């Protein structure tokens, strides 16, 4: 089977910058508290009437297509990862299709939260490998800020998340030893409720009640200690899995791009893998956690900054709600 390569990457973030100081004005928190626990300094929030999950993804896609030297009409399939779709249904994939002016190609939505982009990348990789499609557009886009609890009650979660989008174009590789070498996907539903939005759910006759709103059940819940404990275990495991599968060691990695969940987690991964800081990319201080958009935004910025060059061994890794975790190893 042929290899798939990432021919172009692009990202888009809303113009509205929200700093920790801004959040101090609306909840009992502090810039020092947020920085110490997360490494976040600021994040981006969408502007109503301007940004949507789909059109942010479309803008990231246009930039990725330009870098790939392709036009929207060249795309054979869309795979759209998000936990914050524009509507309950249909998914944002078809809305992205409409934004780009594409006709009748398949549009698949992926709901794997923080691991969503790598899951979507893996699906696209298989379609290119088998020859079913040549040009697959993989998008991760999120609007968190419209669904967060900005009271003091919700500060532990709300200070973490931001909005943004990233996209990658997959095409067949002309070189058999270049491109996506392998992807590795995992999940453990035993911990599904430890990081989740539980209401309104379809398993209740009253989809939305005043009790749900008043109690904060409609907002994200996170057991921070549980998530941290599992993340620092699963990240190194899935990175090692990718390396071992392809006959490499941690020191062979030229650039590791982990999901931007928490700077403490990224620092732990760096130390655990024995990598110098310059080989681990971090931009959480600028954008916070953008879930499915996190990895492609980071990958796009790493390329723009010249930190990835042709021939480099690049590893993508993510962990998040579900719990799900994943990795991809790429020879650039």
C-alpha atoms as a PDB file:
ATOM      1  CA  UNK A   1       0.000   0.000   0.000  1.00  0.00           C
ATOM      2  CA  UNK A   2       1.064   3.557  -0.659  1.00  0.00           C
ATOM      3  CA  UNK A   3       1.952   6.008   2.131  1.00  0.00           C
ATOM      4  CA  UNK A   4      -0.054   9.131   2.916  1.00  0.00           C
ATOM      5  CA  UNK A   5       1.770  12.367   3.602  1.00  0.00           C
ATOM      6  CA  UNK A   6       0.696  15.697   5.062  1.00  0.00           C
ATOM      7  CA  UNK A   7       1.018  17.985   2.056  1.00  0.00           C
ATOM      8  CA  UNK A   8      -0.152  21.165   3.772  1.00  0.00           C
ATOM      9  CA  UNK A   9      -1.171  22.436   7.207  1.00  0.00           C
ATOM     10  CA  UNK A  10      -2.975  25.620   8.202  1.00  0.00           C
ATOM     11  CA  UNK A  11      -4.636  27.159  11.231  1.00  0.00           C
ATOM     12  CA  UNK A  12      -7.013  29.933  12.192  1.00  0.00           C
ATOM     13  CA  UNK A  13      -7.676  31.528  15.574  1.00  0.00           C
ATOM     14  CA  UNK A  14     -10.279  34.207  16.349  1.00  0.00           C
ATOM     15  CA  UNK A  15      -9.096  37.790  16.756  1.00  0.00           C
ATOM     16  CA  UNK A  16     -10.489  38.216  20.279  1.00  0.00           C
ATOM     17  CA  UNK A  17      -7.691  37.688  22.834  1.00  0.00           C
ATOM     18  CA  UNK A  18      -8.787  36.937  26.413  1.00  0.00           C
ATOM     19  CA  UNK A  19      -6.041  37.177  29.025  1.00  0.00           C
ATOM     20  CA  UNK A  20      -5.918  35.771  32.532  1.00  0.00           C
ATOM     21  CA  UNK A  21      -6.341  39.346  33.751  1.00  0.00           C
ATOM     22  CA  UNK A  22      -9.613  39.530  31.814  1.00  0.00           C
ATOM     23  CA  UNK A  23     -10.879  36.400  33.586  1.00  0.00           C
ATOM     24  CA  UNK A  24      -9.942  37.885  36.966  1.00  0.00           C
ATOM     25  CA  UNK A  25     -12.694  40.458  36.369  1.00  0.00           C
ATOM     26  CA  UNK A  26     -15.484  37.883  36.072  1.00  0.00           C
ATOM     27  CA  UNK A  27     -14.505  35.093  38.476  1.00  0.00           C
ATOM     28  CA  UNK A  28     -12.423  34.537  41.606  1.00  0.00           C
ATOM     29  CA  UNK A  29      -9.138  33.571  39.999  1.00  0.00           C
ATOM     30  CA  UNK A  30      -5.750  35.128  39.310  1.00  0.00           C
ATOM     31  CA  UNK A  31      -3.159  35.274  36.583  1.00  0.00           C
ATOM     32  CA  UNK A  32      -0.659  33.637  38.959  1.00  0.00           C
ATOM     33  CA  UNK A  33      -3.047  30.778  39.817  1.00  0.00           C
ATOM     34  CA  UNK A  34      -3.761  30.017  36.154  1.00  0.00           C
ATOM     35  CA  UNK A  35      -0.136  30.227  35.023  1.00  0.00           C
ATOM     36  CA  UNK A  36       1.123  28.051  37.860  1.00  0.00           C
ATOM     37  CA  UNK A  37      -1.399  25.263  37.251  1.00  0.00           C
ATOM     38  CA  UNK A  38      -1.707  25.318  33.467  1.00  0.00           C
ATOM     39  CA  UNK A  39       0.946  27.495  31.847  1.00  0.00           C
ATOM     40  CA  UNK A  40      -1.784  29.470  30.069  1.00  0.00           C
ATOM     41  CA  UNK A  41      -1.417  33.247  29.704  1.00  0.00           C
ATOM     42  CA  UNK A  42      -4.164  33.977  27.185  1.00  0.00           C
ATOM     43  CA  UNK A  43      -6.595  32.288  24.825  1.00  0.00           C
ATOM     44  CA  UNK A  44      -8.830  33.209  21.881  1.00  0.00           C
ATOM     45  CA  UNK A  45     -12.631  33.456  21.986  1.00  0.00           C
ATOM     46  CA  UNK A  46     -14.891  33.467  18.954  1.00  0.00           C
ATOM     47  CA  UNK A  47     -16.890  36.535  17.965  1.00  0.00           C
ATOM     48  CA  UNK A  48     -20.590  35.912  17.485  1.00  0.00           C
ATOM     49  CA  UNK A  49     -21.710  36.642  13.950  1.00  0.00           C
ATOM     50  CA  UNK A  50     -18.164  36.241  12.656  1.00  0.00           C
ATOM     51  CA  UNK A  51     -16.773  32.879  13.766  1.00  0.00           C
ATOM     52  CA  UNK A  52     -18.417  29.456  13.694  1.00  0.00           C
ATOM     53  CA  UNK A  53     -16.928  26.017  14.207  1.00  0.00           C
ATOM     54  CA  UNK A  54     -17.388  25.263  10.503  1.00  0.00           C
ATOM     55  CA  UNK A  55     -16.140  28.536   9.040  1.00  0.00           C
ATOM     56  CA  UNK A  56     -13.075  28.594  11.301  1.00  0.00           C
ATOM     57  CA  UNK A  57     -12.324  25.093  10.018  1.00  0.00           C
ATOM     58  CA  UNK A  58     -12.871  26.300   6.472  1.00  0.00           C
ATOM     59  CA  UNK A  59     -10.385  29.148   6.870  1.00  0.00           C
ATOM     60  CA  UNK A  60      -7.785  26.769   8.323  1.00  0.00           C
ATOM     61  CA  UNK A  61      -8.506  24.416   5.402  1.00  0.00           C
ATOM     62  CA  UNK A  62      -7.989  27.170   2.808  1.00  0.00           C
ATOM     63  CA  UNK A  63      -4.579  27.938   4.298  1.00  0.00           C
ATOM     64  CA  UNK A  64      -3.665  24.241   4.350  1.00  0.00           C
ATOM     65  CA  UNK A  65      -4.763  23.828   0.725  1.00  0.00           C
ATOM     66  CA  UNK A  66      -2.667  26.799  -0.358  1.00  0.00           C
ATOM     67  CA  UNK A  67       0.416  25.311   1.271  1.00  0.00           C
ATOM     68  CA  UNK A  68      -0.335  21.964  -0.355  1.00  0.00           C
ATOM     69  CA  UNK A  69      -0.628  23.621  -3.773  1.00  0.00           C
ATOM     70  CA  UNK A  70      -4.183  22.366  -4.171  1.00  0.00           C
ATOM     71  CA  UNK A  71      -7.635  23.893  -4.588  1.00  0.00           C
ATOM     72  CA  UNK A  72     -10.780  23.003  -2.674  1.00  0.00           C
ATOM     73  CA  UNK A  73     -12.182  21.214  -5.746  1.00  0.00           C
ATOM     74  CA  UNK A  74      -9.275  18.739  -5.520  1.00  0.00           C
ATOM     75  CA  UNK A  75     -10.496  17.352  -2.170  1.00  0.00           C
ATOM     76  CA  UNK A  76     -12.051  13.871  -2.287  1.00  0.00           C
ATOM     77  CA  UNK A  77     -13.163  13.570   1.342  1.00  0.00           C
ATOM     78  CA  UNK A  78     -13.611  15.659   4.497  1.00  0.00           C
ATOM     79  CA  UNK A  79     -12.988  14.355   8.018  1.00  0.00           C
ATOM     80  CA  UNK A  80     -14.030  16.879  10.681  1.00  0.00           C
ATOM     81  CA  UNK A  81     -13.091  16.449  14.353  1.00  0.00           C
ATOM     82  CA  UNK A  82     -14.907  18.537  16.974  1.00  0.00           C
ATOM     83  CA  UNK A  83     -16.748  18.299  20.292  1.00  0.00           C
ATOM     84  CA  UNK A  84     -18.451  21.651  19.656  1.00  0.00           C
ATOM     85  CA  UNK A  85     -20.372  21.288  16.381  1.00  0.00           C
ATOM     86  CA  UNK A  86     -22.446  24.158  15.055  1.00  0.00           C
ATOM     87  CA  UNK A  87     -25.657  22.160  15.501  1.00  0.00           C
ATOM     88  CA  UNK A  88     -26.740  19.070  17.438  1.00  0.00           C
ATOM     89  CA  UNK A  89     -27.157  17.654  13.950  1.00  0.00           C
ATOM     90  CA  UNK A  90     -26.098  17.649  11.181  1.00  0.00           C
ATOM     91  CA  UNK A  91     -22.396  17.547  11.909  1.00  0.00           C
ATOM     92  CA  UNK A  92     -20.006  20.329  10.979  1.00  0.00           C
ATOM     93  CA  UNK A  93     -18.404  18.311   8.169  1.00  0.00           C
ATOM     94  CA  UNK A  94     -21.227  19.073   5.745  1.00  0.00           C
ATOM     95  CA  UNK A  95     -21.219  22.734   6.798  1.00  0.00           C
ATOM     96  CA  UNK A  96     -17.495  22.905   6.023  1.00  0.00           C
ATOM     97  CA  UNK A  97     -18.246  21.276   2.676  1.00  0.00           C
ATOM     98  CA  UNK A  98     -20.758  24.039   1.966  1.00  0.00           C
ATOM     99  CA  UNK A  99     -18.310  26.751   3.103  1.00  0.00           C
ATOM    100  CA  UNK A 100     -15.705  25.470   0.651  1.00  0.00           C
ATOM    101  CA  UNK A 101     -18.215  25.088  -2.190  1.00  0.00           C
ATOM    102  CA  UNK A 102     -17.659  21.347  -2.546  1.00  0.00           C
ATOM    103  CA  UNK A 103     -20.271  19.028  -4.038  1.00  0.00           C
ATOM    104  CA  UNK A 104     -21.253  15.504  -3.003  1.00  0.00           C
ATOM    105  CA  UNK A 105     -17.933  14.310  -1.593  1.00  0.00           C
ATOM    106  CA  UNK A 106     -18.197  12.375   1.708  1.00  0.00           C
ATOM    107  CA  UNK A 107     -18.001  14.340   4.953  1.00  0.00           C
ATOM    108  CA  UNK A 108     -17.307  12.371   8.133  1.00  0.00           C
ATOM    109  CA  UNK A 109     -17.537  13.787  11.664  1.00  0.00           C
ATOM    110  CA  UNK A 110     -15.302  12.451  14.450  1.00  0.00           C
ATOM    111  CA  UNK A 111     -16.156  12.848  18.151  1.00  0.00           C
ATOM    112  CA  UNK A 112     -13.015  11.947  20.063  1.00  0.00           C
ATOM    113  CA  UNK A 113     -12.436  15.254  21.832  1.00  0.00           C
ATOM    114  CA  UNK A 114      -8.754  15.956  22.557  1.00  0.00           C
ATOM    115  CA  UNK A 115      -7.665  12.913  20.541  1.00  0.00           C
ATOM    116  CA  UNK A 116     -10.039  13.805  17.721  1.00  0.00           C
ATOM    117  CA  UNK A 117      -7.549  15.171  15.224  1.00  0.00           C
ATOM    118  CA  UNK A 118      -5.214  12.179  15.456  1.00  0.00           C
ATOM    119  CA  UNK A 119      -8.180   9.786  15.216  1.00  0.00           C
ATOM    120  CA  UNK A 120      -9.338  11.713  12.128  1.00  0.00           C
ATOM    121  CA  UNK A 121      -5.801  11.705  10.705  1.00  0.00           C
ATOM    122  CA  UNK A 122      -5.678   7.931  11.139  1.00  0.00           C
ATOM    123  CA  UNK A 123      -8.976   7.487   9.284  1.00  0.00           C
ATOM    124  CA  UNK A 124      -7.798   9.701   6.440  1.00  0.00           C
ATOM    125  CA  UNK A 125      -4.490   7.833   6.318  1.00  0.00           C
ATOM    126  CA  UNK A 126      -6.318   4.556   5.715  1.00  0.00           C
ATOM    127  CA  UNK A 127      -8.370   5.969   2.824  1.00  0.00           C
ATOM    128  CA  UNK A 128      -5.244   7.283   1.100  1.00  0.00           C
ATOM    129  CA  UNK A 129      -3.248   4.114   1.805  1.00  0.00           C
ATOM    130  CA  UNK A 130      -5.868   1.870   0.209  1.00  0.00           C
ATOM    131  CA  UNK A 131      -6.182   4.112  -2.835  1.00  0.00           C
ATOM    132  CA  UNK A 132      -9.853   4.907  -2.284  1.00  0.00           C
ATOM    133  CA  UNK A 133      -9.159   8.659  -2.109  1.00  0.00           C
ATOM    134  CA  UNK A 134      -6.174  10.768  -3.132  1.00  0.00           C
ATOM    135  CA  UNK A 135      -6.745  14.066  -1.320  1.00  0.00           C
ATOM    136  CA  UNK A 136      -8.317  13.990   2.147  1.00  0.00           C
ATOM    137  CA  UNK A 137      -8.970  17.110   4.212  1.00  0.00           C
ATOM    138  CA  UNK A 138      -8.635  16.582   7.976  1.00  0.00           C
ATOM    139  CA  UNK A 139      -9.917  19.373  10.216  1.00  0.00           C
ATOM    140  CA  UNK A 140     -10.056  20.030  13.955  1.00  0.00           C
ATOM    141  CA  UNK A 141     -12.122  23.042  15.040  1.00  0.00           C
ATOM    142  CA  UNK A 142     -13.586  24.122  18.374  1.00  0.00           C
ATOM    143  CA  UNK A 143     -15.658  26.851  19.984  1.00  0.00           C
ATOM    144  CA  UNK A 144     -15.484  26.244  23.724  1.00  0.00           C
ATOM    145  CA  UNK A 145     -16.145  29.719  25.034  1.00  0.00           C
ATOM    146  CA  UNK A 146     -19.900  29.646  24.398  1.00  0.00           C
ATOM    147  CA  UNK A 147     -20.295  26.576  26.622  1.00  0.00           C
ATOM    148  CA  UNK A 148     -18.197  27.364  29.699  1.00  0.00           C
ATOM    149  CA  UNK A 149     -19.232  28.281  33.228  1.00  0.00           C
ATOM    150  CA  UNK A 150     -17.692  31.698  33.825  1.00  0.00           C
ATOM    151  CA  UNK A 151     -18.646  31.785  37.493  1.00  0.00           C
ATOM    152  CA  UNK A 152     -16.208  31.039  40.304  1.00  0.00           C
ATOM    153  CA  UNK A 153     -17.808  27.580  40.486  1.00  0.00           C
ATOM    154  CA  UNK A 154     -16.536  26.746  37.021  1.00  0.00           C
ATOM    155  CA  UNK A 155     -13.120  28.401  37.149  1.00  0.00           C
ATOM    156  CA  UNK A 156     -11.125  25.161  37.384  1.00  0.00           C
ATOM    157  CA  UNK A 157     -12.264  24.210  33.878  1.00  0.00           C
ATOM    158  CA  UNK A 158     -13.218  27.475  32.209  1.00  0.00           C
ATOM    159  CA  UNK A 159      -9.772  29.087  32.449  1.00  0.00           C
ATOM    160  CA  UNK A 160      -8.262  26.216  30.459  1.00  0.00           C
ATOM    161  CA  UNK A 161     -10.131  26.216  27.170  1.00  0.00           C
ATOM    162  CA  UNK A 162      -9.966  28.383  24.056  1.00  0.00           C
ATOM    163  CA  UNK A 163     -11.283  28.503  20.506  1.00  0.00           C
ATOM    164  CA  UNK A 164      -9.522  27.841  17.205  1.00  0.00           C
ATOM    165  CA  UNK A 165      -9.108  25.583  14.195  1.00  0.00           C
ATOM    166  CA  UNK A 166      -6.424  23.637  12.360  1.00  0.00           C
ATOM    167  CA  UNK A 167      -6.400  21.593   9.163  1.00  0.00           C
ATOM    168  CA  UNK A 168      -4.182  19.219   7.223  1.00  0.00           C
ATOM    169  CA  UNK A 169      -4.337  17.936   3.658  1.00  0.00           C
ATOM    170  CA  UNK A 170      -3.371  14.298   3.117  1.00  0.00           C
ATOM    171  CA  UNK A 171      -2.108  13.165  -0.274  1.00  0.00           C
ATOM    172  CA  UNK A 172      -0.216  10.091  -1.533  1.00  0.00           C
ATOM    173  CA  UNK A 173       3.522  10.193  -0.863  1.00  0.00           C
ATOM    174  CA  UNK A 174       5.863   9.881  -3.832  1.00  0.00           C
ATOM    175  CA  UNK A 175       8.436   8.318  -1.513  1.00  0.00           C
ATOM    176  CA  UNK A 176       7.661   5.050   0.294  1.00  0.00           C
ATOM    177  CA  UNK A 177       9.724   5.983   3.355  1.00  0.00           C
ATOM    178  CA  UNK A 178       8.132   9.417   3.795  1.00  0.00           C
ATOM    179  CA  UNK A 179       4.770  10.415   5.195  1.00  0.00           C
ATOM    180  CA  UNK A 180       2.633   8.912   7.940  1.00  0.00           C
ATOM    181  CA  UNK A 181       4.502   5.821   9.112  1.00  0.00           C
ATOM    182  CA  UNK A 182       1.817   4.613  11.525  1.00  0.00           C
ATOM    183  CA  UNK A 183      -1.024   5.713  13.803  1.00  0.00           C
ATOM    184  CA  UNK A 184      -2.042   4.176  17.132  1.00  0.00           C
ATOM    185  CA  UNK A 185      -5.483   4.614  18.712  1.00  0.00           C
ATOM    186  CA  UNK A 186      -6.777   3.639  22.163  1.00  0.00           C
ATOM    187  CA  UNK A 187      -9.764   4.176  24.445  1.00  0.00           C
ATOM    188  CA  UNK A 188     -10.984   3.207  27.925  1.00  0.00           C
ATOM    189  CA  UNK A 189     -14.631   4.026  28.607  1.00  0.00           C
ATOM    190  CA  UNK A 190     -14.346   3.108  32.277  1.00  0.00           C
ATOM    191  CA  UNK A 191     -13.460   6.750  32.952  1.00  0.00           C
ATOM    192  CA  UNK A 192     -15.955   8.383  30.580  1.00  0.00           C
ATOM    193  CA  UNK A 193     -17.603  10.550  33.241  1.00  0.00           C
ATOM    194  CA  UNK A 194     -14.321  11.922  34.649  1.00  0.00           C
ATOM    195  CA  UNK A 195     -14.108  14.499  31.852  1.00  0.00           C
ATOM    196  CA  UNK A 196     -17.476  15.127  30.289  1.00  0.00           C
ATOM    197  CA  UNK A 197     -20.550  17.250  29.675  1.00  0.00           C
ATOM    198  CA  UNK A 198     -23.334  14.987  30.904  1.00  0.00           C
ATOM    199  CA  UNK A 199     -26.435  17.117  30.341  1.00  0.00           C
ATOM    200  CA  UNK A 200     -28.612  17.666  28.456  1.00  0.00           C
ATOM    201  CA  UNK A 201     -28.459  14.046  27.376  1.00  0.00           C
ATOM    202  CA  UNK A 202     -30.759  11.977  25.172  1.00  0.00           C
ATOM    203  CA  UNK A 203     -31.250   9.445  28.008  1.00  0.00           C
ATOM    204  CA  UNK A 204     -33.563  11.831  29.877  1.00  0.00           C
ATOM    205  CA  UNK A 205     -37.133  12.646  28.894  1.00  0.00           C
ATOM    206  CA  UNK A 206     -36.571  16.293  29.802  1.00  0.00           C
ATOM    207  CA  UNK A 207     -33.636  17.223  27.591  1.00  0.00           C
ATOM    208  CA  UNK A 208     -33.008  20.510  29.393  1.00  0.00           C
ATOM    209  CA  UNK A 209     -34.297  21.543  32.815  1.00  0.00           C
ATOM    210  CA  UNK A 210     -33.832  24.503  35.138  1.00  0.00           C
ATOM    211  CA  UNK A 211     -32.228  22.106  37.615  1.00  0.00           C
ATOM    212  CA  UNK A 212     -29.549  21.161  35.078  1.00  0.00           C
ATOM    213  CA  UNK A 213     -28.811  24.827  34.426  1.00  0.00           C
ATOM    214  CA  UNK A 214     -28.864  25.939  38.070  1.00  0.00           C
ATOM    215  CA  UNK A 215     -26.640  23.067  39.215  1.00  0.00           C
ATOM    216  CA  UNK A 216     -24.126  23.588  36.421  1.00  0.00           C
ATOM    217  CA  UNK A 217     -24.644  20.108  34.953  1.00  0.00           C
ATOM    218  CA  UNK A 218     -24.712  21.590  31.445  1.00  0.00           C
ATOM    219  CA  UNK A 219     -21.082  22.672  31.761  1.00  0.00           C
ATOM    220  CA  UNK A 220     -17.907  20.590  31.397  1.00  0.00           C
ATOM    221  CA  UNK A 221     -16.886  18.568  34.452  1.00  0.00           C
ATOM    222  CA  UNK A 222     -13.286  17.484  34.930  1.00  0.00           C
ATOM    223  CA  UNK A 223     -11.698  15.395  37.638  1.00  0.00           C
ATOM    224  CA  UNK A 224      -8.364  17.141  37.260  1.00  0.00           C
ATOM    225  CA  UNK A 225      -6.304  14.752  39.370  1.00  0.00           C
ATOM    226  CA  UNK A 226      -7.702  11.711  37.571  1.00  0.00           C
ATOM    227  CA  UNK A 227      -7.090  13.218  34.131  1.00  0.00           C
ATOM    228  CA  UNK A 228      -3.530  14.243  35.024  1.00  0.00           C
ATOM    229  CA  UNK A 229      -2.728  10.807  36.455  1.00  0.00           C
ATOM    230  CA  UNK A 230      -3.882   8.983  33.330  1.00  0.00           C
ATOM    231  CA  UNK A 231      -2.453  11.538  30.878  1.00  0.00           C
ATOM    232  CA  UNK A 232       1.109  11.273  32.198  1.00  0.00           C
ATOM    233  CA  UNK A 233       0.862   7.482  31.879  1.00  0.00           C
ATOM    234  CA  UNK A 234      -0.818   7.204  28.489  1.00  0.00           C
ATOM    235  CA  UNK A 235       1.155   9.894  26.663  1.00  0.00           C
ATOM    236  CA  UNK A 236       4.556   8.186  27.060  1.00  0.00           C
ATOM    237  CA  UNK A 237       2.993   4.765  26.392  1.00  0.00           C
ATOM    238  CA  UNK A 238       1.450   5.712  23.069  1.00  0.00           C
ATOM    239  CA  UNK A 239       4.555   7.628  21.948  1.00  0.00           C
ATOM    240  CA  UNK A 240       6.737   4.606  22.757  1.00  0.00           C
ATOM    241  CA  UNK A 241       4.265   2.370  20.910  1.00  0.00           C
ATOM    242  CA  UNK A 242       4.668   4.426  17.736  1.00  0.00           C
ATOM    243  CA  UNK A 243       8.459   4.468  18.045  1.00  0.00           C
ATOM    244  CA  UNK A 244       8.787   0.740  18.719  1.00  0.00           C
ATOM    245  CA  UNK A 245       6.406  -0.123  15.879  1.00  0.00           C
ATOM    246  CA  UNK A 246       8.747   1.644  13.468  1.00  0.00           C
ATOM    247  CA  UNK A 247      12.070   0.691  15.027  1.00  0.00           C
ATOM    248  CA  UNK A 248      12.935   4.053  16.555  1.00  0.00           C
ATOM    249  CA  UNK A 249      13.943   5.354  19.992  1.00  0.00           C
ATOM    250  CA  UNK A 250      12.913   8.594  21.750  1.00  0.00           C
ATOM    251  CA  UNK A 251      16.204  10.266  20.840  1.00  0.00           C
ATOM    252  CA  UNK A 252      15.296   9.830  17.145  1.00  0.00           C
ATOM    253  CA  UNK A 253      12.370  12.248  17.465  1.00  0.00           C
ATOM    254  CA  UNK A 254      13.102  15.619  15.861  1.00  0.00           C
ATOM    255  CA  UNK A 255       9.829  17.207  16.945  1.00  0.00           C
ATOM    256  CA  UNK A 256       7.196  15.989  19.390  1.00  0.00           C
ATOM    257  CA  UNK A 257       3.867  17.781  19.195  1.00  0.00           C
ATOM    258  CA  UNK A 258       1.630  16.779  22.108  1.00  0.00           C
ATOM    259  CA  UNK A 259      -1.948  17.887  22.580  1.00  0.00           C
ATOM    260  CA  UNK A 260      -1.810  21.198  24.436  1.00  0.00           C
ATOM    261  CA  UNK A 261      -3.689  20.237  27.602  1.00  0.00           C
ATOM    262  CA  UNK A 262      -1.493  21.551  30.386  1.00  0.00           C
ATOM    263  CA  UNK A 263       2.101  22.786  30.441  1.00  0.00           C
ATOM    264  CA  UNK A 264       2.854  20.539  33.436  1.00  0.00           C
ATOM    265  CA  UNK A 265       1.780  17.501  31.411  1.00  0.00           C
ATOM    266  CA  UNK A 266       3.902  18.588  28.435  1.00  0.00           C
ATOM    267  CA  UNK A 267       6.914  19.151  30.717  1.00  0.00           C
ATOM    268  CA  UNK A 268       6.446  15.719  32.280  1.00  0.00           C
ATOM    269  CA  UNK A 269       6.299  14.068  28.844  1.00  0.00           C
ATOM    270  CA  UNK A 270       9.450  15.882  27.785  1.00  0.00           C
ATOM    271  CA  UNK A 271      11.317  14.661  30.863  1.00  0.00           C
ATOM    272  CA  UNK A 272       9.923  11.134  30.625  1.00  0.00           C
ATOM    273  CA  UNK A 273      10.997  10.817  26.978  1.00  0.00           C
ATOM    274  CA  UNK A 274      14.390  12.410  27.681  1.00  0.00           C
ATOM    275  CA  UNK A 275      13.933  15.079  25.017  1.00  0.00           C
ATOM    276  CA  UNK A 276      15.438  18.586  25.068  1.00  0.00           C
ATOM    277  CA  UNK A 277      12.950  21.455  25.212  1.00  0.00           C
ATOM    278  CA  UNK A 278      13.633  22.487  21.612  1.00  0.00           C
ATOM    279  CA  UNK A 279      12.258  19.140  20.392  1.00  0.00           C
ATOM    280  CA  UNK A 280       8.905  19.467  22.153  1.00  0.00           C
ATOM    281  CA  UNK A 281       6.479  22.069  20.822  1.00  0.00           C
ATOM    282  CA  UNK A 282       4.284  24.091  23.164  1.00  0.00           C
ATOM    283  CA  UNK A 283       1.934  26.988  22.452  1.00  0.00           C
ATOM    284  CA  UNK A 284      -0.578  26.501  25.271  1.00  0.00           C
ATOM    285  CA  UNK A 285       0.440  29.875  26.744  1.00  0.00           C
ATOM    286  CA  UNK A 286      -1.153  31.599  23.720  1.00  0.00           C
ATOM    287  CA  UNK A 287      -4.254  29.522  23.046  1.00  0.00           C
ATOM    288  CA  UNK A 288      -5.094  27.339  26.036  1.00  0.00           C
ATOM    289  CA  UNK A 289      -6.595  23.929  25.320  1.00  0.00           C
ATOM    290  CA  UNK A 290      -8.376  23.941  21.959  1.00  0.00           C
ATOM    291  CA  UNK A 291      -9.189  20.210  22.083  1.00  0.00           C
ATOM    292  CA  UNK A 292      -9.397  18.752  18.537  1.00  0.00           C
ATOM    293  CA  UNK A 293      -7.810  21.911  17.119  1.00  0.00           C
ATOM    294  CA  UNK A 294      -4.821  21.757  19.463  1.00  0.00           C
ATOM    295  CA  UNK A 295      -2.517  19.394  17.560  1.00  0.00           C
ATOM    296  CA  UNK A 296      -3.053  20.858  14.063  1.00  0.00           C
ATOM    297  CA  UNK A 297      -2.640  24.446  15.331  1.00  0.00           C
ATOM    298  CA  UNK A 298       0.620  23.444  17.033  1.00  0.00           C
ATOM    299  CA  UNK A 299       1.796  21.538  13.944  1.00  0.00           C
ATOM    300  CA  UNK A 300       0.993  24.526  11.734  1.00  0.00           C
ATOM    301  CA  UNK A 301       2.896  26.927  13.994  1.00  0.00           C
ATOM    302  CA  UNK A 302       5.884  24.584  14.286  1.00  0.00           C
ATOM    303  CA  UNK A 303       6.127  24.502  10.488  1.00  0.00           C
ATOM    304  CA  UNK A 304       5.740  28.281  10.201  1.00  0.00           C
ATOM    305  CA  UNK A 305       8.538  28.773  12.737  1.00  0.00           C
ATOM    306  CA  UNK A 306      10.852  26.489  10.782  1.00  0.00           C
ATOM    307  CA  UNK A 307      11.093  23.960  13.571  1.00  0.00           C
ATOM    308  CA  UNK A 308      10.207  21.058  11.247  1.00  0.00           C
ATOM    309  CA  UNK A 309      12.225  20.422   8.100  1.00  0.00           C
ATOM    310  CA  UNK A 310      12.126  17.819   5.359  1.00  0.00           C
ATOM    311  CA  UNK A 311      13.266  14.416   6.595  1.00  0.00           C
ATOM    312  CA  UNK A 312      12.488  15.111  10.260  1.00  0.00           C
ATOM    313  CA  UNK A 313      10.834  12.454  12.405  1.00  0.00           C
ATOM    314  CA  UNK A 314       7.704  14.057  13.861  1.00  0.00           C
ATOM    315  CA  UNK A 315       5.491  12.505  16.527  1.00  0.00           C
ATOM    316  CA  UNK A 316       1.945  13.687  17.306  1.00  0.00           C
ATOM    317  CA  UNK A 317       0.282  12.521  20.524  1.00  0.00           C
ATOM    318  CA  UNK A 318      -2.926  13.258  22.403  1.00  0.00           C
ATOM    319  CA  UNK A 319      -4.941  12.231  25.438  1.00  0.00           C
ATOM    320  CA  UNK A 320      -8.384  13.325  26.527  1.00  0.00           C
ATOM    321  CA  UNK A 321     -12.009  12.705  27.361  1.00  0.00           C
ATOM    322  CA  UNK A 322     -13.277   9.192  26.902  1.00  0.00           C
ATOM    323  CA  UNK A 323     -10.598   8.426  27.986  1.00  0.00           C
ATOM    324  CA  UNK A 324      -9.029   8.263  24.519  1.00  0.00           C
ATOM    325  CA  UNK A 325      -5.409   8.579  23.493  1.00  0.00           C
ATOM    326  CA  UNK A 326      -3.517   8.334  20.219  1.00  0.00           C
ATOM    327  CA  UNK A 327      -0.253   8.930  18.397  1.00  0.00           C
ATOM    328  CA  UNK A 328       1.034   9.300  14.854  1.00  0.00           C
ATOM    329  CA  UNK A 329       4.626   8.996  13.674  1.00  0.00           C
ATOM    330  CA  UNK A 330       5.541  10.906  10.538  1.00  0.00           C
ATOM    331  CA  UNK A 331       8.681  11.115   8.417  1.00  0.00           C
ATOM    332  CA  UNK A 332       8.353  14.646   7.058  1.00  0.00           C
END
